[in-house]
Amino acid sequence: MSDTEENIVRYIRKPLTEEQIAELKALSERPDSEIDLSDIPELTDEFFENAVQGVSYRRMHKQQTTLRLDMDILHWFKSHAKDGKGYQTDINKALRAYVTAQEKLAAKKAG
C-alpha cells in the first residue's frame, strides 16, 4: 500500500431522510424573489479592483516542523490565545496573511 493510499479516508454518506428530501424539494420550488439576500454584501467595483486571480485559500495538509521564533513574538501569540491554546494556528494564519499579501503585490507588479 502506498503512502497516498494510507492517507485516504473513505466516507459513505447516509441516505437522506424523507424529511430532508421534503425540505430540499420545498427549497427548490421557492422562487428567487423570496430569498433574503440582505445579509450578503454587494460586490462593488472596489472589490474587483483588489481581487487577484489565482490567489485563494488552499486547504493543505500540515507538516510538523521546528521553528525558532523571537521570545517576544512567541509570548505575544501565546498570551493572545484563549487559555494558551491555538497560538500555533494563529501564527500560521499570520504567516498565510503575509504570503497572500506578498502574492497580491507580486501580481499587481506583474500585471
PDB file of N, CA and C in Angstrom:
ATOM      1  N   MET A   1       0.848  -1.185   0.000  1.00  0.00           N
ATOM      2  CA  MET A   1       0.000   0.000   0.000  1.00  0.00           C
ATOM      3  C   MET A   1       0.889   1.242   0.000  1.00  0.00           C
ATOM      4  N   SER A   2       0.602   2.183  -0.868  1.00  0.00           N
ATOM      5  CA  SER A   2       1.417   3.393  -0.960  1.00  0.00           C
ATOM      6  C   SER A   2       1.057   4.362   0.153  1.00  0.00           C
ATOM      7  N   ASP A   3       1.932   5.372   0.360  1.00  0.00           N
ATOM      8  CA  ASP A   3       1.666   6.400   1.365  1.00  0.00           C
ATOM      9  C   ASP A   3       0.364   7.125   1.079  1.00  0.00           C
ATOM     10  N   THR A   4       0.089   7.340  -0.202  1.00  0.00           N
ATOM     11  CA  THR A   4      -1.135   8.045  -0.583  1.00  0.00           C
ATOM     12  C   THR A   4      -2.362   7.250  -0.168  1.00  0.00           C
ATOM     13  N   GLU A   5      -2.348   5.955  -0.420  1.00  0.00           N
ATOM     14  CA  GLU A   5      -3.493   5.115  -0.071  1.00  0.00           C
ATOM     15  C   GLU A   5      -3.702   5.047   1.436  1.00  0.00           C
ATOM     16  N   GLU A   6      -2.633   5.080   2.205  1.00  0.00           N
ATOM     17  CA  GLU A   6      -2.755   5.034   3.661  1.00  0.00           C
ATOM     18  C   GLU A   6      -3.448   6.275   4.205  1.00  0.00           C
ATOM     19  N   ASN A   7      -3.362   7.386   3.504  1.00  0.00           N
ATOM     20  CA  ASN A   7      -3.938   8.640   3.982  1.00  0.00           C
ATOM     21  C   ASN A   7      -5.355   8.883   3.475  1.00  0.00           C
ATOM     22  N   ILE A   8      -5.901   7.957   2.720  1.00  0.00           N
ATOM     23  CA  ILE A   8      -7.250   8.129   2.184  1.00  0.00           C
ATOM     24  C   ILE A   8      -8.269   7.808   3.264  1.00  0.00           C
ATOM     25  N   VAL A   9      -9.222   8.711   3.429  1.00  0.00           N
ATOM     26  CA  VAL A   9     -10.316   8.484   4.366  1.00  0.00           C
ATOM     27  C   VAL A   9     -11.558   8.210   3.540  1.00  0.00           C
ATOM     28  N   ARG A  10     -12.138   7.074   3.741  1.00  0.00           N
ATOM     29  CA  ARG A  10     -13.340   6.715   2.993  1.00  0.00           C
ATOM     30  C   ARG A  10     -14.563   7.108   3.807  1.00  0.00           C
ATOM     31  N   TYR A  11     -15.539   7.668   3.128  1.00  0.00           N
ATOM     32  CA  TYR A  11     -16.758   8.131   3.780  1.00  0.00           C
ATOM     33  C   TYR A  11     -17.946   7.712   2.939  1.00  0.00           C
ATOM     34  N   ILE A  12     -18.891   7.068   3.566  1.00  0.00           N
ATOM     35  CA  ILE A  12     -20.119   6.689   2.873  1.00  0.00           C
ATOM     36  C   ILE A  12     -21.236   7.548   3.447  1.00  0.00           C
ATOM     37  N   ARG A  13     -21.821   8.358   2.587  1.00  0.00           N
ATOM     38  CA  ARG A  13     -22.866   9.276   3.019  1.00  0.00           C
ATOM     39  C   ARG A  13     -24.145   8.506   3.303  1.00  0.00           C
ATOM     40  N   LYS A  14     -24.785   8.854   4.418  1.00  0.00           N
ATOM     41  CA  LYS A  14     -26.062   8.232   4.762  1.00  0.00           C
ATOM     42  C   LYS A  14     -27.134   8.766   3.821  1.00  0.00           C
ATOM     43  N   PRO A  15     -28.104   7.931   3.470  1.00  0.00           N
ATOM     44  CA  PRO A  15     -29.194   8.416   2.613  1.00  0.00           C
ATOM     45  C   PRO A  15     -29.993   9.503   3.334  1.00  0.00           C
ATOM     46  N   LEU A  16     -30.562  10.418   2.553  1.00  0.00           N
ATOM     47  CA  LEU A  16     -31.378  11.481   3.130  1.00  0.00           C
ATOM     48  C   LEU A  16     -32.668  10.898   3.691  1.00  0.00           C
ATOM     49  N   THR A  17     -33.135  11.514   4.773  1.00  0.00           N
ATOM     50  CA  THR A  17     -34.414  11.102   5.347  1.00  0.00           C
ATOM     51  C   THR A  17     -35.541  11.690   4.503  1.00  0.00           C
ATOM     52  N   GLU A  18     -36.740  11.175   4.694  1.00  0.00           N
ATOM     53  CA  GLU A  18     -37.905  11.710   3.980  1.00  0.00           C
ATOM     54  C   GLU A  18     -38.090  13.189   4.303  1.00  0.00           C
ATOM     55  N   GLU A  19     -37.857  13.548   5.559  1.00  0.00           N
ATOM     56  CA  GLU A  19     -37.990  14.947   5.982  1.00  0.00           C
ATOM     57  C   GLU A  19     -36.985  15.837   5.251  1.00  0.00           C
ATOM     58  N   GLN A  20     -35.744  15.380   5.128  1.00  0.00           N
ATOM     59  CA  GLN A  20     -34.716  16.149   4.423  1.00  0.00           C
ATOM     60  C   GLN A  20     -35.055  16.289   2.943  1.00  0.00           C
ATOM     61  N   ILE A  21     -35.561  15.223   2.352  1.00  0.00           N
ATOM     62  CA  ILE A  21     -35.945  15.265   0.939  1.00  0.00           C
ATOM     63  C   ILE A  21     -37.074  16.267   0.733  1.00  0.00           C
ATOM     64  N   ALA A  22     -38.057  16.255   1.637  1.00  0.00           N
ATOM     65  CA  ALA A  22     -39.181  17.192   1.533  1.00  0.00           C
ATOM     66  C   ALA A  22     -38.703  18.634   1.685  1.00  0.00           C
ATOM     67  N   GLU A  23     -37.769  18.870   2.608  1.00  0.00           N
ATOM     68  CA  GLU A  23     -37.241  20.223   2.816  1.00  0.00           C
ATOM     69  C   GLU A  23     -36.488  20.709   1.576  1.00  0.00           C
ATOM     70  N   LEU A  24     -35.675  19.855   0.997  1.00  0.00           N
ATOM     71  CA  LEU A  24     -34.937  20.228  -0.215  1.00  0.00           C
ATOM     72  C   LEU A  24     -35.885  20.497  -1.383  1.00  0.00           C
ATOM     73  N   LYS A  25     -36.941  19.705  -1.495  1.00  0.00           N
ATOM     74  CA  LYS A  25     -37.923  19.908  -2.562  1.00  0.00           C
ATOM     75  C   LYS A  25     -38.608  21.263  -2.395  1.00  0.00           C
ATOM     76  N   ALA A  26     -38.989  21.579  -1.145  1.00  0.00           N
ATOM     77  CA  ALA A  26     -39.647  22.862  -0.880  1.00  0.00           C
ATOM     78  C   ALA A  26     -38.712  24.027  -1.200  1.00  0.00           C
ATOM     79  N   LEU A  27     -37.447  23.890  -0.844  1.00  0.00           N
ATOM     80  CA  LEU A  27     -36.477  24.953  -1.137  1.00  0.00           C
ATOM     81  C   LEU A  27     -36.275  25.123  -2.640  1.00  0.00           C
ATOM     82  N   SER A  28     -36.234  24.023  -3.365  1.00  0.00           N
ATOM     83  CA  SER A  28     -36.004  24.115  -4.815  1.00  0.00           C
ATOM     84  C   SER A  28     -37.190  24.743  -5.537  1.00  0.00           C
ATOM     85  N   GLU A  29     -38.367  24.651  -4.941  1.00  0.00           N
ATOM     86  CA  GLU A  29     -39.566  25.222  -5.561  1.00  0.00           C
ATOM     87  C   GLU A  29     -39.793  26.680  -5.168  1.00  0.00           C
ATOM     88  N   ARG A  30     -39.031  27.168  -4.197  1.00  0.00           N
ATOM     89  CA  ARG A  30     -39.186  28.555  -3.743  1.00  0.00           C
ATOM     90  C   ARG A  30     -38.648  29.500  -4.816  1.00  0.00           C
ATOM     91  N   PRO A  31     -39.407  30.530  -5.177  1.00  0.00           N
ATOM     92  CA  PRO A  31     -38.911  31.484  -6.183  1.00  0.00           C
ATOM     93  C   PRO A  31     -37.750  32.324  -5.630  1.00  0.00           C
ATOM     94  N   ASP A  32     -36.874  32.736  -6.518  1.00  0.00           N
ATOM     95  CA  ASP A  32     -35.717  33.539  -6.114  1.00  0.00           C
ATOM     96  C   ASP A  32     -36.125  34.816  -5.393  1.00  0.00           C
ATOM     97  N   SER A  33     -37.273  35.355  -5.736  1.00  0.00           N
ATOM     98  CA  SER A  33     -37.724  36.610  -5.116  1.00  0.00           C
ATOM     99  C   SER A  33     -37.977  36.464  -3.619  1.00  0.00           C
ATOM    100  N   GLU A  34     -38.130  35.236  -3.134  1.00  0.00           N
ATOM    101  CA  GLU A  34     -38.358  35.006  -1.707  1.00  0.00           C
ATOM    102  C   GLU A  34     -37.067  34.787  -0.929  1.00  0.00           C
ATOM    103  N   ILE A  35     -35.946  34.786  -1.602  1.00  0.00           N
ATOM    104  CA  ILE A  35     -34.665  34.568  -0.924  1.00  0.00           C
ATOM    105  C   ILE A  35     -34.187  35.885  -0.340  1.00  0.00           C
ATOM    106  N   ASP A  36     -33.892  35.872   0.960  1.00  0.00           N
ATOM    107  CA  ASP A  36     -33.424  37.072   1.655  1.00  0.00           C
ATOM    108  C   ASP A  36     -31.921  37.224   1.426  1.00  0.00           C
ATOM    109  N   LEU A  37     -31.535  38.239   0.682  1.00  0.00           N
ATOM    110  CA  LEU A  37     -30.125  38.493   0.379  1.00  0.00           C
ATOM    111  C   LEU A  37     -29.568  39.670   1.171  1.00  0.00           C
ATOM    112  N   SER A  38     -30.325  40.139   2.157  1.00  0.00           N
ATOM    113  CA  SER A  38     -29.940  41.359   2.874  1.00  0.00           C
ATOM    114  C   SER A  38     -28.631  41.225   3.647  1.00  0.00           C
ATOM    115  N   ASP A  39     -28.241  40.006   4.003  1.00  0.00           N
ATOM    116  CA  ASP A  39     -27.004  39.834   4.763  1.00  0.00           C
ATOM    117  C   ASP A  39     -25.797  39.561   3.869  1.00  0.00           C
ATOM    118  N   ILE A  40     -25.984  39.631   2.559  1.00  0.00           N
ATOM    119  CA  ILE A  40     -24.888  39.395   1.622  1.00  0.00           C
ATOM    120  C   ILE A  40     -24.460  40.735   1.027  1.00  0.00           C
ATOM    121  N   PRO A  41     -23.213  41.148   1.259  1.00  0.00           N
ATOM    122  CA  PRO A  41     -22.782  42.440   0.717  1.00  0.00           C
ATOM    123  C   PRO A  41     -22.682  42.395  -0.811  1.00  0.00           C
ATOM    124  N   GLU A  42     -22.958  43.537  -1.421  1.00  0.00           N
ATOM    125  CA  GLU A  42     -22.825  43.627  -2.873  1.00  0.00           C
ATOM    126  C   GLU A  42     -21.352  43.636  -3.250  1.00  0.00           C
ATOM    127  N   LEU A  43     -21.040  43.067  -4.399  1.00  0.00           N
ATOM    128  CA  LEU A  43     -19.672  43.087  -4.893  1.00  0.00           C
ATOM    129  C   LEU A  43     -19.499  44.354  -5.719  1.00  0.00           C
ATOM    130  N   THR A  44     -18.747  45.281  -5.158  1.00  0.00           N
ATOM    131  CA  THR A  44     -18.554  46.583  -5.785  1.00  0.00           C
ATOM    132  C   THR A  44     -17.360  46.560  -6.735  1.00  0.00           C
ATOM    133  N   ASP A  45     -17.198  47.643  -7.483  1.00  0.00           N
ATOM    134  CA  ASP A  45     -16.026  47.775  -8.352  1.00  0.00           C
ATOM    135  C   ASP A  45     -14.747  47.730  -7.527  1.00  0.00           C
ATOM    136  N   GLU A  46     -14.789  48.322  -6.331  1.00  0.00           N
ATOM    137  CA  GLU A  46     -13.612  48.327  -5.456  1.00  0.00           C
ATOM    138  C   GLU A  46     -13.202  46.900  -5.095  1.00  0.00           C
ATOM    139  N   PHE A  47     -14.190  46.044  -4.848  1.00  0.00           N
ATOM    140  CA  PHE A  47     -13.892  44.644  -4.539  1.00  0.00           C
ATOM    141  C   PHE A  47     -13.095  44.009  -5.677  1.00  0.00           C
ATOM    142  N   PHE A  48     -13.560  44.212  -6.903  1.00  0.00           N
ATOM    143  CA  PHE A  48     -12.904  43.585  -8.041  1.00  0.00           C
ATOM    144  C   PHE A  48     -11.558  44.230  -8.362  1.00  0.00           C
ATOM    145  N   GLU A  49     -11.383  45.508  -8.018  1.00  0.00           N
ATOM    146  CA  GLU A  49     -10.086  46.161  -8.215  1.00  0.00           C
ATOM    147  C   GLU A  49      -9.027  45.528  -7.328  1.00  0.00           C
ATOM    148  N   ASN A  50      -9.425  45.074  -6.142  1.00  0.00           N
ATOM    149  CA  ASN A  50      -8.482  44.473  -5.194  1.00  0.00           C
ATOM    150  C   ASN A  50      -8.373  42.960  -5.345  1.00  0.00           C
ATOM    151  N   ALA A  51      -9.209  42.373  -6.181  1.00  0.00           N
ATOM    152  CA  ALA A  51      -9.179  40.923  -6.366  1.00  0.00           C
ATOM    153  C   ALA A  51      -7.939  40.534  -7.168  1.00  0.00           C
ATOM    154  N   VAL A  52      -7.390  39.388  -6.839  1.00  0.00           N
ATOM    155  CA  VAL A  52      -6.219  38.887  -7.552  1.00  0.00           C
ATOM    156  C   VAL A  52      -6.541  37.489  -8.050  1.00  0.00           C
ATOM    157  N   GLN A  53      -6.397  37.285  -9.331  1.00  0.00           N
ATOM    158  CA  GLN A  53      -6.699  35.988  -9.922  1.00  0.00           C
ATOM    159  C   GLN A  53      -5.718  34.935  -9.425  1.00  0.00           C
ATOM    160  N   GLY A  54      -6.256  33.802  -9.063  1.00  0.00           N
ATOM    161  CA  GLY A  54      -5.410  32.675  -8.688  1.00  0.00           C
ATOM    162  C   GLY A  54      -4.971  32.654  -7.241  1.00  0.00           C
ATOM    163  N   VAL A  55      -5.261  33.685  -6.481  1.00  0.00           N
ATOM    164  CA  VAL A  55      -4.876  33.694  -5.073  1.00  0.00           C
ATOM    165  C   VAL A  55      -6.096  33.301  -4.259  1.00  0.00           C
ATOM    166  N   SER A  56      -6.016  32.175  -3.616  1.00  0.00           N
ATOM    167  CA  SER A  56      -7.123  31.732  -2.783  1.00  0.00           C
ATOM    168  C   SER A  56      -6.587  30.838  -1.680  1.00  0.00           C
ATOM    169  N   TYR A  57      -7.416  30.621  -0.704  1.00  0.00           N
ATOM    170  CA  TYR A  57      -7.019  29.734   0.385  1.00  0.00           C
ATOM    171  C   TYR A  57      -6.998  28.310  -0.142  1.00  0.00           C
ATOM    172  N   ARG A  58      -5.935  27.642   0.122  1.00  0.00           N
ATOM    173  CA  ARG A  58      -5.821  26.251  -0.283  1.00  0.00           C
ATOM    174  C   ARG A  58      -5.737  25.406   0.983  1.00  0.00           C
ATOM    175  N   ARG A  59      -6.660  24.486   1.103  1.00  0.00           N
ATOM    176  CA  ARG A  59      -6.606  23.608   2.272  1.00  0.00           C
ATOM    177  C   ARG A  59      -5.460  22.625   2.041  1.00  0.00           C
ATOM    178  N   MET A  60      -4.496  22.683   2.910  1.00  0.00           N
ATOM    179  CA  MET A  60      -3.322  21.844   2.744  1.00  0.00           C
ATOM    180  C   MET A  60      -3.109  21.018   3.996  1.00  0.00           C
ATOM    181  N   HIS A  61      -2.401  19.948   3.798  1.00  0.00           N
ATOM    182  CA  HIS A  61      -2.015  19.151   4.949  1.00  0.00           C
ATOM    183  C   HIS A  61      -0.937  19.914   5.703  1.00  0.00           C
ATOM    184  N   LYS A  62      -0.968  19.793   6.987  1.00  0.00           N
ATOM    185  CA  LYS A  62       0.035  20.473   7.794  1.00  0.00           C
ATOM    186  C   LYS A  62       1.257  19.572   7.926  1.00  0.00           C
ATOM    187  N   GLN A  63       2.389  20.196   8.066  1.00  0.00           N
ATOM    188  CA  GLN A  63       3.627  19.459   8.254  1.00  0.00           C
ATOM    189  C   GLN A  63       4.270  19.937   9.535  1.00  0.00           C
ATOM    190  N   GLN A  64       4.616  19.001  10.379  1.00  0.00           N
ATOM    191  CA  GLN A  64       5.259  19.363  11.629  1.00  0.00           C
ATOM    192  C   GLN A  64       6.689  19.805  11.339  1.00  0.00           C
ATOM    193  N   THR A  65       7.087  20.886  11.993  1.00  0.00           N
ATOM    194  CA  THR A  65       8.430  21.413  11.797  1.00  0.00           C
ATOM    195  C   THR A  65       8.898  22.082  13.081  1.00  0.00           C
ATOM    196  N   THR A  66      10.160  22.349  13.150  1.00  0.00           N
ATOM    197  CA  THR A  66      10.707  23.110  14.266  1.00  0.00           C
ATOM    198  C   THR A  66      11.042  24.492  13.742  1.00  0.00           C
ATOM    199  N   LEU A  67      10.612  25.500  14.472  1.00  0.00           N
ATOM    200  CA  LEU A  67      10.791  26.873  14.036  1.00  0.00           C
ATOM    201  C   LEU A  67      11.280  27.695  15.215  1.00  0.00           C
ATOM    202  N   ARG A  68      12.341  28.421  15.022  1.00  0.00           N
ATOM    203  CA  ARG A  68      12.844  29.288  16.089  1.00  0.00           C
ATOM    204  C   ARG A  68      12.237  30.670  15.916  1.00  0.00           C
ATOM    205  N   LEU A  69      11.593  31.142  16.978  1.00  0.00           N
ATOM    206  CA  LEU A  69      10.954  32.450  16.970  1.00  0.00           C
ATOM    207  C   LEU A  69      11.561  33.311  18.055  1.00  0.00           C
ATOM    208  N   ASP A  70      11.526  34.613  17.849  1.00  0.00           N
ATOM    209  CA  ASP A  70      11.945  35.520  18.910  1.00  0.00           C
ATOM    210  C   ASP A  70      11.024  35.306  20.103  1.00  0.00           C
ATOM    211  N   MET A  71      11.590  35.379  21.294  1.00  0.00           N
ATOM    212  CA  MET A  71      10.819  35.096  22.508  1.00  0.00           C
ATOM    213  C   MET A  71       9.610  36.007  22.648  1.00  0.00           C
ATOM    214  N   ASP A  72       9.779  37.289  22.306  1.00  0.00           N
ATOM    215  CA  ASP A  72       8.656  38.212  22.464  1.00  0.00           C
ATOM    216  C   ASP A  72       7.522  37.902  21.488  1.00  0.00           C
ATOM    217  N   ILE A  73       7.871  37.424  20.299  1.00  0.00           N
ATOM    218  CA  ILE A  73       6.850  37.059  19.315  1.00  0.00           C
ATOM    219  C   ILE A  73       6.057  35.857  19.815  1.00  0.00           C
ATOM    220  N   LEU A  74       6.762  34.835  20.261  1.00  0.00           N
ATOM    221  CA  LEU A  74       6.098  33.642  20.774  1.00  0.00           C
ATOM    222  C   LEU A  74       5.233  33.986  21.980  1.00  0.00           C
ATOM    223  N   HIS A  75       5.755  34.801  22.883  1.00  0.00           N
ATOM    224  CA  HIS A  75       4.994  35.211  24.068  1.00  0.00           C
ATOM    225  C   HIS A  75       3.727  35.957  23.663  1.00  0.00           C
ATOM    226  N   TRP A  76       3.833  36.831  22.671  1.00  0.00           N
ATOM    227  CA  TRP A  76       2.664  37.600  22.240  1.00  0.00           C
ATOM    228  C   TRP A  76       1.566  36.671  21.734  1.00  0.00           C
ATOM    229  N   PHE A  77       1.933  35.730  20.858  1.00  0.00           N
ATOM    230  CA  PHE A  77       0.922  34.818  20.323  1.00  0.00           C
ATOM    231  C   PHE A  77       0.322  33.949  21.422  1.00  0.00           C
ATOM    232  N   LYS A  78       1.159  33.443  22.329  1.00  0.00           N
ATOM    233  CA  LYS A  78       0.634  32.614  23.418  1.00  0.00           C
ATOM    234  C   LYS A  78      -0.277  33.417  24.338  1.00  0.00           C
ATOM    235  N   SER A  79       0.098  34.665  24.608  1.00  0.00           N
ATOM    236  CA  SER A  79      -0.702  35.477  25.534  1.00  0.00           C
ATOM    237  C   SER A  79      -2.022  35.924  24.911  1.00  0.00           C
ATOM    238  N   HIS A  80      -2.113  35.933  23.593  1.00  0.00           N
ATOM    239  CA  HIS A  80      -3.352  36.333  22.932  1.00  0.00           C
ATOM    240  C   HIS A  80      -4.235  35.143  22.557  1.00  0.00           C
ATOM    241  N   ALA A  81      -3.755  33.936  22.800  1.00  0.00           N
ATOM    242  CA  ALA A  81      -4.550  32.740  22.509  1.00  0.00           C
ATOM    243  C   ALA A  81      -5.445  32.432  23.707  1.00  0.00           C
ATOM    244  N   LYS A  82      -6.616  31.888  23.439  1.00  0.00           N
ATOM    245  CA  LYS A  82      -7.533  31.529  24.519  1.00  0.00           C
ATOM    246  C   LYS A  82      -6.930  30.388  25.325  1.00  0.00           C
ATOM    247  N   ASP A  83      -6.767  30.591  26.604  1.00  0.00           N
ATOM    248  CA  ASP A  83      -6.206  29.582  27.510  1.00  0.00           C
ATOM    249  C   ASP A  83      -4.852  29.065  27.031  1.00  0.00           C
ATOM    250  N   GLY A  84      -4.127  29.884  26.269  1.00  0.00           N
ATOM    251  CA  GLY A  84      -2.817  29.479  25.777  1.00  0.00           C
ATOM    252  C   GLY A  84      -2.875  28.454  24.660  1.00  0.00           C
ATOM    253  N   LYS A  85      -4.088  28.155  24.180  1.00  0.00           N
ATOM    254  CA  LYS A  85      -4.244  27.145  23.125  1.00  0.00           C
ATOM    255  C   LYS A  85      -4.552  27.831  21.801  1.00  0.00           C
ATOM    256  N   GLY A  86      -4.107  27.231  20.720  1.00  0.00           N
ATOM    257  CA  GLY A  86      -4.397  27.765  19.399  1.00  0.00           C
ATOM    258  C   GLY A  86      -3.375  28.772  18.903  1.00  0.00           C
ATOM    259  N   TYR A  87      -2.325  28.990  19.666  1.00  0.00           N
ATOM    260  CA  TYR A  87      -1.349  30.001  19.239  1.00  0.00           C
ATOM    261  C   TYR A  87      -0.619  29.580  17.971  1.00  0.00           C
ATOM    262  N   GLN A  88      -0.417  28.281  17.788  1.00  0.00           N
ATOM    263  CA  GLN A  88       0.253  27.826  16.569  1.00  0.00           C
ATOM    264  C   GLN A  88      -0.625  28.087  15.348  1.00  0.00           C
ATOM    265  N   THR A  89      -1.923  27.892  15.501  1.00  0.00           N
ATOM    266  CA  THR A  89      -2.861  28.199  14.418  1.00  0.00           C
ATOM    267  C   THR A  89      -2.837  29.686  14.115  1.00  0.00           C
ATOM    268  N   ASP A  90      -2.764  30.513  15.164  1.00  0.00           N
ATOM    269  CA  ASP A  90      -2.704  31.963  14.966  1.00  0.00           C
ATOM    270  C   ASP A  90      -1.425  32.370  14.233  1.00  0.00           C
ATOM    271  N   ILE A  91      -0.315  31.735  14.574  1.00  0.00           N
ATOM    272  CA  ILE A  91       0.950  32.014  13.878  1.00  0.00           C
ATOM    273  C   ILE A  91       0.816  31.614  12.408  1.00  0.00           C
ATOM    274  N   ASN A  92       0.205  30.458  12.151  1.00  0.00           N
ATOM    275  CA  ASN A  92       0.004  30.006  10.771  1.00  0.00           C
ATOM    276  C   ASN A  92      -0.866  30.992   9.997  1.00  0.00           C
ATOM    277  N   LYS A  93      -1.935  31.494  10.641  1.00  0.00           N
ATOM    278  CA  LYS A  93      -2.812  32.476   9.988  1.00  0.00           C
ATOM    279  C   LYS A  93      -2.045  33.758   9.657  1.00  0.00           C
ATOM    280  N   ALA A  94      -1.195  34.200  10.577  1.00  0.00           N
ATOM    281  CA  ALA A  94      -0.411  35.414  10.340  1.00  0.00           C
ATOM    282  C   ALA A  94       0.555  35.210   9.172  1.00  0.00           C
ATOM    283  N   LEU A  95       1.187  34.054   9.131  1.00  0.00           N
ATOM    284  CA  LEU A  95       2.099  33.760   8.028  1.00  0.00           C
ATOM    285  C   LEU A  95       1.339  33.660   6.703  1.00  0.00           C
ATOM    286  N   ARG A  96       0.160  33.035   6.724  1.00  0.00           N
ATOM    287  CA  ARG A  96      -0.639  32.925   5.498  1.00  0.00           C
ATOM    288  C   ARG A  96      -1.066  34.303   5.007  1.00  0.00           C
ATOM    289  N   ALA A  97      -1.464  35.188   5.932  1.00  0.00           N
ATOM    290  CA  ALA A  97      -1.864  36.548   5.548  1.00  0.00           C
ATOM    291  C   ALA A  97      -0.693  37.281   4.899  1.00  0.00           C
ATOM    292  N   TYR A  98       0.505  37.096   5.449  1.00  0.00           N
ATOM    293  CA  TYR A  98       1.692  37.733   4.880  1.00  0.00           C
ATOM    294  C   TYR A  98       1.959  37.205   3.468  1.00  0.00           C
ATOM    295  N   VAL A  99       1.903  35.883   3.309  1.00  0.00           N
ATOM    296  CA  VAL A  99       2.155  35.280   1.999  1.00  0.00           C
ATOM    297  C   VAL A  99       1.118  35.757   0.985  1.00  0.00           C
ATOM    298  N   THR A 100      -0.148  35.792   1.383  1.00  0.00           N
ATOM    299  CA  THR A 100      -1.208  36.253   0.487  1.00  0.00           C
ATOM    300  C   THR A 100      -0.980  37.699   0.071  1.00  0.00           C
ATOM    301  N   ALA A 101      -0.587  38.544   1.020  1.00  0.00           N
ATOM    302  CA  ALA A 101      -0.314  39.950   0.707  1.00  0.00           C
ATOM    303  C   ALA A 101       0.852  40.069  -0.272  1.00  0.00           C
ATOM    304  N   GLN A 102       1.888  39.257  -0.078  1.00  0.00           N
ATOM    305  CA  GLN A 102       3.037  39.291  -0.984  1.00  0.00           C
ATOM    306  C   GLN A 102       2.644  38.814  -2.381  1.00  0.00           C
ATOM    307  N   GLU A 103       1.779  37.791  -2.450  1.00  0.00           N
ATOM    308  CA  GLU A 103       1.312  37.307  -3.753  1.00  0.00           C
ATOM    309  C   GLU A 103       0.508  38.382  -4.475  1.00  0.00           C
ATOM    310  N   LYS A 104      -0.327  39.115  -3.728  1.00  0.00           N
ATOM    311  CA  LYS A 104      -1.114  40.193  -4.333  1.00  0.00           C
ATOM    312  C   LYS A 104      -0.202  41.293  -4.860  1.00  0.00           C
ATOM    313  N   LEU A 105       0.818  41.656  -4.082  1.00  0.00           N
ATOM    314  CA  LEU A 105       1.765  42.680  -4.534  1.00  0.00           C
ATOM    315  C   LEU A 105       2.487  42.237  -5.804  1.00  0.00           C
ATOM    316  N   ALA A 106       2.917  40.991  -5.816  1.00  0.00           N
ATOM    317  CA  ALA A 106       3.628  40.472  -6.987  1.00  0.00           C
ATOM    318  C   ALA A 106       2.714  40.451  -8.210  1.00  0.00           C
ATOM    319  N   ALA A 107       1.456  40.090  -8.005  1.00  0.00           N
ATOM    320  CA  ALA A 107       0.506  40.046  -9.120  1.00  0.00           C
ATOM    321  C   ALA A 107       0.230  41.447  -9.655  1.00  0.00           C
ATOM    322  N   LYS A 108       0.135  42.440  -8.763  1.00  0.00           N
ATOM    323  CA  LYS A 108      -0.097  43.820  -9.203  1.00  0.00           C
ATOM    324  C   LYS A 108       1.098  44.342  -9.996  1.00  0.00           C
ATOM    325  N   LYS A 109       2.308  44.003  -9.533  1.00  0.00           N
ATOM    326  CA  LYS A 109       3.509  44.446 -10.241  1.00  0.00           C
ATOM    327  C   LYS A 109       3.598  43.795 -11.618  1.00  0.00           C
ATOM    328  N   ALA A 110       3.183  42.537 -11.697  1.00  0.00           N
ATOM    329  CA  ALA A 110       3.280  41.796 -12.954  1.00  0.00           C
ATOM    330  C   ALA A 110       2.209  42.204 -13.959  1.00  0.00           C
ATOM    331  N   GLY A 111       1.080  42.662 -13.449  1.00  0.00           N
ATOM    332  CA  GLY A 111       0.033  42.860 -14.420  1.00  0.00           C
ATOM    333  C   GLY A 111      -0.714  44.095 -14.318  1.00  0.00           C
TER     334      GLY A 111
END
